[in-house]
Amino acid sequence: MAQAMRRQSSISLFATDGKPHPLQDALLAVTLVLGAVAFVTAFFHNLHLLSSWTGLIGILTGAYGQFISVTTRERFALIIGLGASAIGFYLGMAHGGLFGG
């Protein structure tokens, strides 16, 4: 049971296994930023191009991030970004779509 009592020397926000994950962290940051932009701009009817494109790109980066994620913290934050991106994408599509309309 010595493994269960192992002390963590460094606590990271993204990596709970103590190893760096630069690609996963970058995808996480991009997904969260794109999700926030898509979510906020989705509530403005005339910004449907921005919300739909950022939402679509956020969904794609979040899905790839989920595919290669290593830790639970990464997956949790990616789901938040994916949800915001999806809401922004769908509302942007309802307001006019990817190419205007």
PDB file of N, CA and C in Angstrom:
ATOM      1  N   MET A   1       0.803  -1.193   0.000  1.00  0.00           N
ATOM      2  CA  MET A   1       0.000   0.000   0.000  1.00  0.00           C
ATOM      3  C   MET A   1       0.846   1.257   0.000  1.00  0.00           C
ATOM      4  N   ALA A   2       2.123   1.131  -0.230  1.00  0.00           N
ATOM      5  CA  ALA A   2       2.994   2.307  -0.272  1.00  0.00           C
ATOM      6  C   ALA A   2       2.662   3.193  -1.451  1.00  0.00           C
ATOM      7  N   GLN A   3       2.122   2.616  -2.512  1.00  0.00           N
ATOM      8  CA  GLN A   3       1.766   3.407  -3.675  1.00  0.00           C
ATOM      9  C   GLN A   3       0.615   4.358  -3.372  1.00  0.00           C
ATOM     10  N   ALA A   4      -0.312   3.941  -2.554  1.00  0.00           N
ATOM     11  CA  ALA A   4      -1.474   4.773  -2.255  1.00  0.00           C
ATOM     12  C   ALA A   4      -1.097   5.990  -1.430  1.00  0.00           C
ATOM     13  N   MET A   5      -0.038   5.905  -0.675  1.00  0.00           N
ATOM     14  CA  MET A   5       0.374   7.010   0.185  1.00  0.00           C
ATOM     15  C   MET A   5       1.462   7.877  -0.457  1.00  0.00           C
ATOM     16  N   ARG A   6       1.703   7.683  -1.727  1.00  0.00           N
ATOM     17  CA  ARG A   6       2.739   8.451  -2.408  1.00  0.00           C
ATOM     18  C   ARG A   6       2.377   9.930  -2.407  1.00  0.00           C
ATOM     19  N   ARG A   7       3.330  10.750  -2.081  1.00  0.00           N
ATOM     20  CA  ARG A   7       3.104  12.183  -1.988  1.00  0.00           C
ATOM     21  C   ARG A   7       3.361  12.831  -3.344  1.00  0.00           C
ATOM     22  N   GLN A   8       2.456  13.724  -3.769  1.00  0.00           N
ATOM     23  CA  GLN A   8       2.654  14.429  -5.023  1.00  0.00           C
ATOM     24  C   GLN A   8       3.516  15.650  -4.769  1.00  0.00           C
ATOM     25  N   SER A   9       4.630  15.729  -5.489  1.00  0.00           N
ATOM     26  CA  SER A   9       5.553  16.836  -5.271  1.00  0.00           C
ATOM     27  C   SER A   9       5.105  18.100  -5.983  1.00  0.00           C
ATOM     28  N   SER A  10       4.480  17.990  -7.139  1.00  0.00           N
ATOM     29  CA  SER A  10       4.011  19.174  -7.849  1.00  0.00           C
ATOM     30  C   SER A  10       2.576  18.943  -8.294  1.00  0.00           C
ATOM     31  N   ILE A  11       1.766  19.930  -8.060  1.00  0.00           N
ATOM     32  CA  ILE A  11       0.367  19.844  -8.463  1.00  0.00           C
ATOM     33  C   ILE A  11       0.178  20.754  -9.663  1.00  0.00           C
ATOM     34  N   SER A  12      -0.208  20.181 -10.765  1.00  0.00           N
ATOM     35  CA  SER A  12      -0.417  20.924 -11.991  1.00  0.00           C
ATOM     36  C   SER A  12      -1.903  21.088 -12.236  1.00  0.00           C
ATOM     37  N   LEU A  13      -2.238  22.139 -12.953  1.00  0.00           N
ATOM     38  CA  LEU A  13      -3.639  22.384 -13.268  1.00  0.00           C
ATOM     39  C   LEU A  13      -4.156  21.390 -14.301  1.00  0.00           C
ATOM     40  N   PHE A  14      -3.300  20.977 -15.237  1.00  0.00           N
ATOM     41  CA  PHE A  14      -3.754  20.136 -16.332  1.00  0.00           C
ATOM     42  C   PHE A  14      -3.288  18.691 -16.239  1.00  0.00           C
ATOM     43  N   ALA A  15      -2.111  18.443 -15.731  1.00  0.00           N
ATOM     44  CA  ALA A  15      -1.553  17.096 -15.729  1.00  0.00           C
ATOM     45  C   ALA A  15      -1.510  16.548 -14.307  1.00  0.00           C
ATOM     46  N   THR A  16      -2.270  15.503 -14.045  1.00  0.00           N
ATOM     47  CA  THR A  16      -2.287  14.902 -12.725  1.00  0.00           C
ATOM     48  C   THR A  16      -1.283  13.759 -12.600  1.00  0.00           C
ATOM     49  N   ASP A  17      -0.636  13.406 -13.683  1.00  0.00           N
ATOM     50  CA  ASP A  17       0.341  12.332 -13.603  1.00  0.00           C
ATOM     51  C   ASP A  17       1.770  12.840 -13.462  1.00  0.00           C
ATOM     52  N   GLY A  18       1.954  14.149 -13.354  1.00  0.00           N
ATOM     53  CA  GLY A  18       3.271  14.714 -13.132  1.00  0.00           C
ATOM     54  C   GLY A  18       4.115  14.870 -14.376  1.00  0.00           C
ATOM     55  N   LYS A  19       3.586  14.538 -15.533  1.00  0.00           N
ATOM     56  CA  LYS A  19       4.321  14.655 -16.787  1.00  0.00           C
ATOM     57  C   LYS A  19       3.759  15.826 -17.591  1.00  0.00           C
ATOM     58  N   PRO A  20       4.599  16.502 -18.368  1.00  0.00           N
ATOM     59  CA  PRO A  20       4.088  17.593 -19.201  1.00  0.00           C
ATOM     60  C   PRO A  20       3.345  17.057 -20.426  1.00  0.00           C
ATOM     61  N   HIS A  21       2.292  17.743 -20.791  1.00  0.00           N
ATOM     62  CA  HIS A  21       1.508  17.393 -21.975  1.00  0.00           C
ATOM     63  C   HIS A  21       1.282  18.665 -22.799  1.00  0.00           C
ATOM     64  N   PRO A  22       2.299  19.117 -23.527  1.00  0.00           N
ATOM     65  CA  PRO A  22       2.165  20.405 -24.213  1.00  0.00           C
ATOM     66  C   PRO A  22       1.123  20.410 -25.328  1.00  0.00           C
ATOM     67  N   LEU A  23       1.011  19.346 -26.098  1.00  0.00           N
ATOM     68  CA  LEU A  23       0.026  19.307 -27.177  1.00  0.00           C
ATOM     69  C   LEU A  23      -1.389  19.289 -26.616  1.00  0.00           C
ATOM     70  N   GLN A  24      -1.620  18.485 -25.598  1.00  0.00           N
ATOM     71  CA  GLN A  24      -2.945  18.414 -24.992  1.00  0.00           C
ATOM     72  C   GLN A  24      -3.311  19.734 -24.335  1.00  0.00           C
ATOM     73  N   ASP A  25      -2.357  20.383 -23.686  1.00  0.00           N
ATOM     74  CA  ASP A  25      -2.626  21.669 -23.052  1.00  0.00           C
ATOM     75  C   ASP A  25      -2.924  22.741 -24.091  1.00  0.00           C
ATOM     76  N   ALA A  26      -2.225  22.710 -25.217  1.00  0.00           N
ATOM     77  CA  ALA A  26      -2.484  23.683 -26.279  1.00  0.00           C
ATOM     78  C   ALA A  26      -3.871  23.470 -26.879  1.00  0.00           C
ATOM     79  N   LEU A  27      -4.233  22.218 -27.129  1.00  0.00           N
ATOM     80  CA  LEU A  27      -5.571  21.943 -27.656  1.00  0.00           C
ATOM     81  C   LEU A  27      -6.653  22.335 -26.658  1.00  0.00           C
ATOM     82  N   LEU A  28      -6.381  22.136 -25.390  1.00  0.00           N
ATOM     83  CA  LEU A  28      -7.322  22.527 -24.343  1.00  0.00           C
ATOM     84  C   LEU A  28      -7.519  24.034 -24.340  1.00  0.00           C
ATOM     85  N   ALA A  29      -6.440  24.786 -24.406  1.00  0.00           N
ATOM     86  CA  ALA A  29      -6.534  26.250 -24.396  1.00  0.00           C
ATOM     87  C   ALA A  29      -7.256  26.765 -25.646  1.00  0.00           C
ATOM     88  N   VAL A  30      -6.927  26.201 -26.796  1.00  0.00           N
ATOM     89  CA  VAL A  30      -7.573  26.629 -28.044  1.00  0.00           C
ATOM     90  C   VAL A  30      -9.066  26.315 -28.006  1.00  0.00           C
ATOM     91  N   THR A  31      -9.413  25.140 -27.519  1.00  0.00           N
ATOM     92  CA  THR A  31     -10.825  24.760 -27.445  1.00  0.00           C
ATOM     93  C   THR A  31     -11.598  25.654 -26.489  1.00  0.00           C
ATOM     94  N   LEU A  32     -11.009  25.981 -25.349  1.00  0.00           N
ATOM     95  CA  LEU A  32     -11.695  26.853 -24.396  1.00  0.00           C
ATOM     96  C   LEU A  32     -11.879  28.265 -24.943  1.00  0.00           C
ATOM     97  N   VAL A  33     -10.856  28.797 -25.612  1.00  0.00           N
ATOM     98  CA  VAL A  33     -10.968  30.147 -26.181  1.00  0.00           C
ATOM     99  C   VAL A  33     -11.993  30.176 -27.310  1.00  0.00           C
ATOM    100  N   LEU A  34     -11.916  29.199 -28.207  1.00  0.00           N
ATOM    101  CA  LEU A  34     -12.883  29.151 -29.304  1.00  0.00           C
ATOM    102  C   LEU A  34     -14.300  28.926 -28.788  1.00  0.00           C
ATOM    103  N   GLY A  35     -14.445  28.104 -27.770  1.00  0.00           N
ATOM    104  CA  GLY A  35     -15.758  27.883 -27.181  1.00  0.00           C
ATOM    105  C   GLY A  35     -16.321  29.138 -26.550  1.00  0.00           C
ATOM    106  N   ALA A  36     -15.481  29.896 -25.863  1.00  0.00           N
ATOM    107  CA  ALA A  36     -15.945  31.146 -25.250  1.00  0.00           C
ATOM    108  C   ALA A  36     -16.344  32.160 -26.306  1.00  0.00           C
ATOM    109  N   VAL A  37     -15.542  32.282 -27.367  1.00  0.00           N
ATOM    110  CA  VAL A  37     -15.874  33.221 -28.439  1.00  0.00           C
ATOM    111  C   VAL A  37     -17.162  32.803 -29.141  1.00  0.00           C
ATOM    112  N   ALA A  38     -17.289  31.526 -29.444  1.00  0.00           N
ATOM    113  CA  ALA A  38     -18.492  31.039 -30.127  1.00  0.00           C
ATOM    114  C   ALA A  38     -19.726  31.218 -29.258  1.00  0.00           C
ATOM    115  N   PHE A  39     -19.604  30.955 -27.980  1.00  0.00           N
ATOM    116  CA  PHE A  39     -20.752  31.069 -27.076  1.00  0.00           C
ATOM    117  C   PHE A  39     -21.202  32.512 -26.940  1.00  0.00           C
ATOM    118  N   VAL A  40     -20.257  33.432 -26.767  1.00  0.00           N
ATOM    119  CA  VAL A  40     -20.624  34.834 -26.566  1.00  0.00           C
ATOM    120  C   VAL A  40     -21.171  35.441 -27.849  1.00  0.00           C
ATOM    121  N   THR A  41     -20.537  35.169 -28.977  1.00  0.00           N
ATOM    122  CA  THR A  41     -20.999  35.775 -30.228  1.00  0.00           C
ATOM    123  C   THR A  41     -22.276  35.136 -30.762  1.00  0.00           C
ATOM    124  N   ALA A  42     -22.653  33.979 -30.257  1.00  0.00           N
ATOM    125  CA  ALA A  42     -23.872  33.324 -30.726  1.00  0.00           C
ATOM    126  C   ALA A  42     -25.129  34.098 -30.336  1.00  0.00           C
ATOM    127  N   PHE A  43     -25.034  34.945 -29.324  1.00  0.00           N
ATOM    128  CA  PHE A  43     -26.202  35.686 -28.878  1.00  0.00           C
ATOM    129  C   PHE A  43     -26.429  36.969 -29.667  1.00  0.00           C
ATOM    130  N   PHE A  44     -25.555  37.247 -30.629  1.00  0.00           N
ATOM    131  CA  PHE A  44     -25.722  38.401 -31.505  1.00  0.00           C
ATOM    132  C   PHE A  44     -26.025  37.891 -32.904  1.00  0.00           C
ATOM    133  N   HIS A  45     -27.189  38.245 -33.415  1.00  0.00           N
ATOM    134  CA  HIS A  45     -27.676  37.704 -34.682  1.00  0.00           C
ATOM    135  C   HIS A  45     -26.735  38.024 -35.837  1.00  0.00           C
ATOM    136  N   ASN A  46     -26.149  39.223 -35.845  1.00  0.00           N
ATOM    137  CA  ASN A  46     -25.313  39.616 -36.977  1.00  0.00           C
ATOM    138  C   ASN A  46     -23.897  39.027 -36.924  1.00  0.00           C
ATOM    139  N   LEU A  47     -23.542  38.329 -35.880  1.00  0.00           N
ATOM    140  CA  LEU A  47     -22.220  37.694 -35.768  1.00  0.00           C
ATOM    141  C   LEU A  47     -22.283  36.187 -36.011  1.00  0.00           C
ATOM    142  N   HIS A  48     -23.248  35.750 -36.808  1.00  0.00           N
ATOM    143  CA  HIS A  48     -23.434  34.311 -37.014  1.00  0.00           C
ATOM    144  C   HIS A  48     -22.264  33.669 -37.743  1.00  0.00           C
ATOM    145  N   LEU A  49     -21.585  34.402 -38.611  1.00  0.00           N
ATOM    146  CA  LEU A  49     -20.415  33.822 -39.282  1.00  0.00           C
ATOM    147  C   LEU A  49     -19.305  33.515 -38.290  1.00  0.00           C
ATOM    148  N   LEU A  50     -19.030  34.453 -37.403  1.00  0.00           N
ATOM    149  CA  LEU A  50     -17.993  34.247 -36.403  1.00  0.00           C
ATOM    150  C   LEU A  50     -18.354  33.120 -35.443  1.00  0.00           C
ATOM    151  N   SER A  51     -19.580  33.107 -34.968  1.00  0.00           N
ATOM    152  CA  SER A  51     -19.964  32.074 -34.002  1.00  0.00           C
ATOM    153  C   SER A  51     -20.009  30.686 -34.629  1.00  0.00           C
ATOM    154  N   SER A  52     -20.475  30.591 -35.865  1.00  0.00           N
ATOM    155  CA  SER A  52     -20.557  29.260 -36.473  1.00  0.00           C
ATOM    156  C   SER A  52     -19.175  28.718 -36.825  1.00  0.00           C
ATOM    157  N   TRP A  53     -18.283  29.559 -37.346  1.00  0.00           N
ATOM    158  CA  TRP A  53     -16.950  29.073 -37.697  1.00  0.00           C
ATOM    159  C   TRP A  53     -16.105  28.762 -36.461  1.00  0.00           C
ATOM    160  N   THR A  54     -16.138  29.656 -35.456  1.00  0.00           N
ATOM    161  CA  THR A  54     -15.368  29.354 -34.243  1.00  0.00           C
ATOM    162  C   THR A  54     -15.941  28.143 -33.521  1.00  0.00           C
ATOM    163  N   GLY A  55     -17.256  27.983 -33.565  1.00  0.00           N
ATOM    164  CA  GLY A  55     -17.864  26.803 -32.966  1.00  0.00           C
ATOM    165  C   GLY A  55     -17.445  25.520 -33.664  1.00  0.00           C
ATOM    166  N   LEU A  56     -17.430  25.554 -34.994  1.00  0.00           N
ATOM    167  CA  LEU A  56     -17.029  24.364 -35.750  1.00  0.00           C
ATOM    168  C   LEU A  56     -15.565  24.007 -35.497  1.00  0.00           C
ATOM    169  N   ILE A  57     -14.701  25.004 -35.521  1.00  0.00           N
ATOM    170  CA  ILE A  57     -13.280  24.734 -35.265  1.00  0.00           C
ATOM    171  C   ILE A  57     -13.070  24.283 -33.821  1.00  0.00           C
ATOM    172  N   GLY A  58     -13.833  24.869 -32.879  1.00  0.00           N
ATOM    173  CA  GLY A  58     -13.744  24.448 -31.487  1.00  0.00           C
ATOM    174  C   GLY A  58     -14.207  23.016 -31.284  1.00  0.00           C
ATOM    175  N   ILE A  59     -15.230  22.619 -32.005  1.00  0.00           N
ATOM    176  CA  ILE A  59     -15.700  21.230 -31.920  1.00  0.00           C
ATOM    177  C   ILE A  59     -14.627  20.271 -32.448  1.00  0.00           C
ATOM    178  N   LEU A  60     -14.011  20.632 -33.560  1.00  0.00           N
ATOM    179  CA  LEU A  60     -12.992  19.752 -34.141  1.00  0.00           C
ATOM    180  C   LEU A  60     -11.743  19.658 -33.263  1.00  0.00           C
ATOM    181  N   THR A  61     -11.273  20.793 -32.734  1.00  0.00           N
ATOM    182  CA  THR A  61     -10.090  20.737 -31.872  1.00  0.00           C
ATOM    183  C   THR A  61     -10.404  20.034 -30.553  1.00  0.00           C
ATOM    184  N   GLY A  62     -11.604  20.241 -30.032  1.00  0.00           N
ATOM    185  CA  GLY A  62     -11.991  19.564 -28.801  1.00  0.00           C
ATOM    186  C   GLY A  62     -12.132  18.069 -28.978  1.00  0.00           C
ATOM    187  N   ALA A  63     -12.658  17.654 -30.121  1.00  0.00           N
ATOM    188  CA  ALA A  63     -12.794  16.220 -30.382  1.00  0.00           C
ATOM    189  C   ALA A  63     -11.428  15.559 -30.513  1.00  0.00           C
ATOM    190  N   TYR A  64     -10.509  16.223 -31.198  1.00  0.00           N
ATOM    191  CA  TYR A  64      -9.158  15.662 -31.303  1.00  0.00           C
ATOM    192  C   TYR A  64      -8.457  15.675 -29.946  1.00  0.00           C
ATOM    193  N   GLY A  65      -8.684  16.714 -29.177  1.00  0.00           N
ATOM    194  CA  GLY A  65      -8.114  16.776 -27.834  1.00  0.00           C
ATOM    195  C   GLY A  65      -8.634  15.660 -26.949  1.00  0.00           C
ATOM    196  N   GLN A  66      -9.922  15.350 -27.074  1.00  0.00           N
ATOM    197  CA  GLN A  66     -10.480  14.222 -26.319  1.00  0.00           C
ATOM    198  C   GLN A  66      -9.845  12.907 -26.753  1.00  0.00           C
ATOM    199  N   PHE A  67      -9.576  12.802 -28.035  1.00  0.00           N
ATOM    200  CA  PHE A  67      -8.999  11.572 -28.568  1.00  0.00           C
ATOM    201  C   PHE A  67      -7.605  11.308 -28.013  1.00  0.00           C
ATOM    202  N   ILE A  68      -6.802  12.374 -27.834  1.00  0.00           N
ATOM    203  CA  ILE A  68      -5.423  12.180 -27.397  1.00  0.00           C
ATOM    204  C   ILE A  68      -5.199  12.583 -25.941  1.00  0.00           C
ATOM    205  N   SER A  69      -6.244  12.956 -25.219  1.00  0.00           N
ATOM    206  CA  SER A  69      -6.068  13.403 -23.839  1.00  0.00           C
ATOM    207  C   SER A  69      -5.582  12.258 -22.952  1.00  0.00           C
ATOM    208  N   VAL A  70      -4.871  12.640 -21.897  1.00  0.00           N
ATOM    209  CA  VAL A  70      -4.249  11.655 -21.024  1.00  0.00           C
ATOM    210  C   VAL A  70      -4.888  11.672 -19.643  1.00  0.00           C
ATOM    211  N   THR A  71      -5.198  12.853 -19.125  1.00  0.00           N
ATOM    212  CA  THR A  71      -5.671  12.954 -17.753  1.00  0.00           C
ATOM    213  C   THR A  71      -7.147  13.342 -17.704  1.00  0.00           C
ATOM    214  N   THR A  72      -7.737  13.112 -16.557  1.00  0.00           N
ATOM    215  CA  THR A  72      -9.142  13.440 -16.354  1.00  0.00           C
ATOM    216  C   THR A  72      -9.372  14.938 -16.364  1.00  0.00           C
ATOM    217  N   ARG A  73      -8.450  15.697 -15.833  1.00  0.00           N
ATOM    218  CA  ARG A  73      -8.596  17.152 -15.828  1.00  0.00           C
ATOM    219  C   ARG A  73      -8.637  17.711 -17.239  1.00  0.00           C
ATOM    220  N   GLU A  74      -7.827  17.170 -18.120  1.00  0.00           N
ATOM    221  CA  GLU A  74      -7.861  17.607 -19.521  1.00  0.00           C
ATOM    222  C   GLU A  74      -9.210  17.291 -20.144  1.00  0.00           C
ATOM    223  N   ARG A  75      -9.693  16.105 -19.899  1.00  0.00           N
ATOM    224  CA  ARG A  75     -10.975  15.704 -20.479  1.00  0.00           C
ATOM    225  C   ARG A  75     -12.126  16.552 -19.945  1.00  0.00           C
ATOM    226  N   PHE A  76     -12.087  16.867 -18.664  1.00  0.00           N
ATOM    227  CA  PHE A  76     -13.139  17.678 -18.061  1.00  0.00           C
ATOM    228  C   PHE A  76     -13.189  19.066 -18.688  1.00  0.00           C
ATOM    229  N   ALA A  77     -12.041  19.718 -18.798  1.00  0.00           N
ATOM    230  CA  ALA A  77     -12.008  21.059 -19.375  1.00  0.00           C
ATOM    231  C   ALA A  77     -12.337  21.029 -20.867  1.00  0.00           C
ATOM    232  N   LEU A  78     -11.942  19.973 -21.561  1.00  0.00           N
ATOM    233  CA  LEU A  78     -12.284  19.858 -22.976  1.00  0.00           C
ATOM    234  C   LEU A  78     -13.790  19.721 -23.177  1.00  0.00           C
ATOM    235  N   ILE A  79     -14.469  19.034 -22.279  1.00  0.00           N
ATOM    236  CA  ILE A  79     -15.920  18.907 -22.388  1.00  0.00           C
ATOM    237  C   ILE A  79     -16.594  20.265 -22.209  1.00  0.00           C
ATOM    238  N   ILE A  80     -16.067  21.097 -21.305  1.00  0.00           N
ATOM    239  CA  ILE A  80     -16.613  22.444 -21.124  1.00  0.00           C
ATOM    240  C   ILE A  80     -16.448  23.247 -22.413  1.00  0.00           C
ATOM    241  N   GLY A  81     -15.260  23.211 -23.005  1.00  0.00           N
ATOM    242  CA  GLY A  81     -15.013  23.914 -24.258  1.00  0.00           C
ATOM    243  C   GLY A  81     -15.828  23.364 -25.409  1.00  0.00           C
ATOM    244  N   LEU A  82     -15.972  22.042 -25.458  1.00  0.00           N
ATOM    245  CA  LEU A  82     -16.788  21.429 -26.499  1.00  0.00           C
ATOM    246  C   LEU A  82     -18.249  21.836 -26.387  1.00  0.00           C
ATOM    247  N   GLY A  83     -18.763  21.882 -25.194  1.00  0.00           N
ATOM    248  CA  GLY A  83     -20.155  22.288 -24.999  1.00  0.00           C
ATOM    249  C   GLY A  83     -20.395  23.722 -25.422  1.00  0.00           C
ATOM    250  N   ALA A  84     -19.497  24.616 -25.037  1.00  0.00           N
ATOM    251  CA  ALA A  84     -19.635  26.020 -25.432  1.00  0.00           C
ATOM    252  C   ALA A  84     -19.500  26.170 -26.945  1.00  0.00           C
ATOM    253  N   SER A  85     -18.579  25.429 -27.547  1.00  0.00           N
ATOM    254  CA  SER A  85     -18.410  25.481 -28.998  1.00  0.00           C
ATOM    255  C   SER A  85     -19.643  24.962 -29.717  1.00  0.00           C
ATOM    256  N   ALA A  86     -20.215  23.892 -29.205  1.00  0.00           N
ATOM    257  CA  ALA A  86     -21.404  23.323 -29.839  1.00  0.00           C
ATOM    258  C   ALA A  86     -22.593  24.265 -29.744  1.00  0.00           C
ATOM    259  N   ILE A  87     -22.781  24.896 -28.607  1.00  0.00           N
ATOM    260  CA  ILE A  87     -23.883  25.849 -28.467  1.00  0.00           C
ATOM    261  C   ILE A  87     -23.678  27.014 -29.428  1.00  0.00           C
ATOM    262  N   GLY A  88     -22.454  27.548 -29.482  1.00  0.00           N
ATOM    263  CA  GLY A  88     -22.171  28.637 -30.407  1.00  0.00           C
ATOM    264  C   GLY A  88     -22.346  28.223 -31.850  1.00  0.00           C
ATOM    265  N   PHE A  89     -21.912  27.023 -32.186  1.00  0.00           N
ATOM    266  CA  PHE A  89     -22.057  26.533 -33.554  1.00  0.00           C
ATOM    267  C   PHE A  89     -23.523  26.395 -33.943  1.00  0.00           C
ATOM    268  N   TYR A  90     -24.311  25.764 -33.097  1.00  0.00           N
ATOM    269  CA  TYR A  90     -25.705  25.537 -33.447  1.00  0.00           C
ATOM    270  C   TYR A  90     -26.514  26.822 -33.492  1.00  0.00           C
ATOM    271  N   LEU A  91     -26.258  27.738 -32.590  1.00  0.00           N
ATOM    272  CA  LEU A  91     -26.963  29.018 -32.644  1.00  0.00           C
ATOM    273  C   LEU A  91     -26.489  29.836 -33.848  1.00  0.00           C
ATOM    274  N   GLY A  92     -25.208  29.763 -34.179  1.00  0.00           N
ATOM    275  CA  GLY A  92     -24.725  30.432 -35.380  1.00  0.00           C
ATOM    276  C   GLY A  92     -25.346  29.857 -36.634  1.00  0.00           C
ATOM    277  N   MET A  93     -25.517  28.552 -36.666  1.00  0.00           N
ATOM    278  CA  MET A  93     -26.175  27.920 -37.815  1.00  0.00           C
ATOM    279  C   MET A  93     -27.645  28.332 -37.907  1.00  0.00           C
ATOM    280  N   ALA A  94     -28.281  28.483 -36.773  1.00  0.00           N
ATOM    281  CA  ALA A  94     -29.688  28.893 -36.774  1.00  0.00           C
ATOM    282  C   ALA A  94     -29.844  30.342 -37.217  1.00  0.00           C
ATOM    283  N   HIS A  95     -28.840  31.158 -36.988  1.00  0.00           N
ATOM    284  CA  HIS A  95     -28.927  32.573 -37.343  1.00  0.00           C
ATOM    285  C   HIS A  95     -28.487  32.866 -38.767  1.00  0.00           C
ATOM    286  N   GLY A  96     -27.919  31.916 -39.472  1.00  0.00           N
ATOM    287  CA  GLY A  96     -27.526  32.191 -40.850  1.00  0.00           C
ATOM    288  C   GLY A  96     -26.493  31.248 -41.428  1.00  0.00           C
ATOM    289  N   GLY A  97     -25.828  30.492 -40.597  1.00  0.00           N
ATOM    290  CA  GLY A  97     -24.934  29.463 -41.100  1.00  0.00           C
ATOM    291  C   GLY A  97     -23.498  29.900 -41.319  1.00  0.00           C
ATOM    292  N   LEU A  98     -22.750  29.012 -41.937  1.00  0.00           N
ATOM    293  CA  LEU A  98     -21.324  29.203 -42.151  1.00  0.00           C
ATOM    294  C   LEU A  98     -21.006  30.185 -43.269  1.00  0.00           C
ATOM    295  N   PHE A  99     -21.886  30.312 -44.226  1.00  0.00           N
ATOM    296  CA  PHE A  99     -21.598  31.141 -45.385  1.00  0.00           C
ATOM    297  C   PHE A  99     -22.571  32.307 -45.536  1.00  0.00           C
ATOM    298  N   GLY A 100     -23.388  32.544 -44.535  1.00  0.00           N
ATOM    299  CA  GLY A 100     -24.360  33.643 -44.588  1.00  0.00           C
ATOM    300  C   GLY A 100     -25.612  33.205 -45.318  1.00  0.00           C
ATOM    301  N   GLY A 101     -26.687  33.828 -44.933  1.00  0.00           N
ATOM    302  CA  GLY A 101     -27.906  33.401 -45.603  1.00  0.00           C
ATOM    303  C   GLY A 101     -29.129  34.104 -45.136  1.00  0.00           C
TER     304      GLY A 101
END
